[in-house]
Protein backbone atom coordinates (compact mmCIF):
# COMPACT_ATOMS: atom_id res chain seq x y z
CA ILE A 1 -54.59 -15.47 20.97
CA GLN A 2 -51.64 -13.52 19.61
CA THR A 3 -51.42 -9.77 19.07
CA ILE A 4 -48.83 -8.72 16.48
CA PRO A 5 -47.81 -5.05 16.15
CA LEU A 6 -46.93 -3.64 12.74
CA GLY A 7 -43.45 -4.84 11.70
CA SER A 8 -43.34 -7.62 14.30
CA PRO A 9 -42.94 -11.35 13.56
CA VAL A 10 -45.68 -13.94 13.81
CA GLY A 11 -45.08 -16.61 16.46
CA PHE A 12 -45.58 -20.29 15.64
CA GLU A 13 -46.08 -22.18 18.88
CA ASN A 14 -46.63 -25.72 17.58
CA VAL A 15 -43.60 -26.57 15.45
CA LYS A 16 -43.77 -30.07 13.95
CA ALA A 17 -41.13 -31.97 11.98
CA VAL A 18 -38.25 -29.70 11.01
CA GLN A 19 -35.69 -30.73 8.41
CA ASN A 20 -33.03 -28.43 6.93
CA PHE A 21 -33.89 -25.73 9.52
CA THR A 22 -33.16 -24.92 13.14
CA VAL A 23 -35.93 -23.35 15.20
CA ILE A 24 -34.32 -20.46 17.07
CA ASP A 25 -37.52 -19.37 18.82
CA PRO A 26 -41.25 -19.35 17.92
CA PHE A 27 -40.63 -16.36 15.60
CA THR A 28 -37.35 -17.24 13.90
CA PHE A 29 -36.00 -20.12 11.81
CA ARG A 30 -32.44 -20.62 10.50
CA CYS A 31 -31.79 -22.39 7.20
CA ASP A 32 -29.21 -25.18 7.59
CA VAL A 33 -29.06 -26.42 3.96
CA SER A 34 -28.63 -24.09 0.97
CA GLY A 35 -31.06 -24.57 -1.90
CA VAL A 36 -34.24 -23.54 -3.67
CA TYR A 37 -37.31 -23.75 -1.45
CA PHE A 38 -41.08 -23.51 -1.89
CA GLU A 39 -42.62 -21.59 1.01
CA LEU A 40 -46.28 -21.55 1.94
CA LYS A 41 -47.89 -19.42 4.64
CA THR A 42 -51.42 -18.72 5.77
CA ILE A 43 -52.74 -16.28 8.34
CA ASP A 44 -56.28 -15.67 9.59
CA THR A 45 -56.70 -12.47 11.62
CA LEU A 46 -59.54 -10.48 13.10
CA GLU A 47 -58.44 -7.37 11.16
CA PRO A 48 -57.48 -6.69 7.52
CA ASN A 49 -53.84 -7.67 7.18
CA SER A 50 -50.79 -8.14 5.02
CA CYS A 51 -47.81 -10.26 5.98
CA ALA A 52 -44.53 -11.11 4.29
CA LEU A 53 -41.48 -13.32 4.60
CA TYR A 54 -38.29 -11.65 5.77
CA ILE A 55 -34.88 -13.20 5.16
CA ASN A 56 -32.02 -11.85 7.28
CA GLY A 57 -34.22 -8.91 8.30
CA VAL A 58 -35.03 -7.89 4.70
CA LEU A 59 -38.42 -8.20 2.98
CA GLU A 60 -38.22 -10.99 0.39
CA THR A 61 -39.65 -9.74 -2.91
CA GLY A 62 -42.79 -11.61 -4.00
CA THR A 63 -43.76 -12.92 -0.56
CA TRP A 64 -46.17 -10.14 0.49
CA PHE A 65 -49.78 -11.37 0.84
CA GLY A 66 -52.94 -10.25 2.62
CA ALA A 67 -56.70 -10.41 3.12
CA ASN A 68 -59.70 -8.67 4.63
CA SER A 69 -60.63 -9.27 8.26
CA THR A 70 -61.60 -12.82 9.27
CA ALA A 71 -60.62 -14.07 5.79
CA GLN A 72 -57.93 -16.71 5.51
CA ASP A 73 -55.09 -15.48 3.32
CA LEU A 74 -52.49 -17.64 1.64
CA GLY A 75 -49.06 -16.71 0.33
CA GLN A 76 -46.59 -18.85 -1.55
CA SER A 77 -43.35 -18.31 -3.41
CA LEU A 78 -40.07 -19.83 -4.53
CA ILE A 79 -37.05 -18.61 -2.60
CA THR A 80 -33.33 -19.30 -2.73
CA LEU A 81 -31.74 -19.74 0.68
CA VAL A 82 -28.15 -20.01 1.83
CA ALA A 83 -27.22 -21.94 4.96
CA GLY A 84 -27.38 -19.47 7.86
CA ASP A 85 -30.24 -17.39 6.44
CA ILE A 86 -32.77 -16.34 9.10
CA LEU A 87 -36.50 -16.45 8.24
CA GLU A 88 -39.44 -14.63 9.86
CA VAL A 89 -43.03 -14.00 8.79
CA ARG A 90 -43.91 -10.42 9.79
CA ASN A 91 -46.97 -8.22 10.02
CA GLN A 92 -46.02 -6.13 6.99
CA SER A 93 -48.98 -3.80 6.76
CA SER A 94 -52.54 -3.57 7.98
CA GLN A 95 -55.20 -0.90 8.24
CA GLY A 96 -55.02 -0.80 12.02
CA GLY A 97 -51.34 -1.59 12.43
CA THR A 98 -51.75 -4.39 14.97
CA ILE A 99 -53.30 -7.70 13.92
CA THR A 100 -54.83 -10.38 16.15
CA LEU A 101 -54.69 -14.12 15.65
CA SER A 102 -57.59 -15.77 17.46
CA PRO A 103 -58.79 -19.38 17.21
CA LEU A 104 -62.38 -18.57 16.25
CA GLY A 105 -63.34 -22.24 15.81
CA SER A 106 -62.32 -23.33 19.31
CA GLY A 107 -65.66 -23.12 21.02
CA SER A 108 -65.32 -23.52 24.78
CA ASN A 109 -61.80 -24.98 24.57
CA PRO A 110 -59.32 -22.26 23.53
CA THR A 111 -56.43 -24.74 23.25
CA VAL A 112 -58.08 -26.76 20.48
CA GLY A 113 -59.44 -25.23 17.31
CA GLN A 114 -58.56 -23.89 13.94
CA THR A 115 -55.04 -22.92 13.01
CA THR A 116 -54.76 -19.17 12.70
CA ALA A 117 -51.25 -19.11 11.21
CA ALA A 118 -49.14 -21.75 9.47
CA PHE A 119 -45.77 -21.61 7.73
CA SER A 120 -44.14 -24.41 5.72
CA VAL A 121 -40.90 -24.49 3.73
CA PHE A 122 -39.95 -27.35 1.40
CA ARG A 123 -36.56 -27.80 -0.29
CA ILE A 124 -37.15 -28.53 -4.00
CA ALA A 125 -33.62 -28.19 -5.44
């Protein structure tokens, strides 16, 4: 379970294969190879929410997405990155301010269940 205040980044605790990026911490990724990227993110929260991609601390135009409570939302966009750019997915706006990620499909085992947030970036040019 993760509680994310308004304006705060989403943490990704299970980071798989990373190419062209350095994971700084669960909230922050640094681009290592300049190029055009396709980014895809999904977040499922207990409250209505909106999230967005931030690059170097600035909201990236066209990456804001959101959904009603307990509805999976999906955002995708094309972005141009320069080596050294820092990426974060942040709680951009929500009716209650704070959003909660909770693995609703886990049953009695809270460490195994549905993914409540995912973020992928693919270099395409």
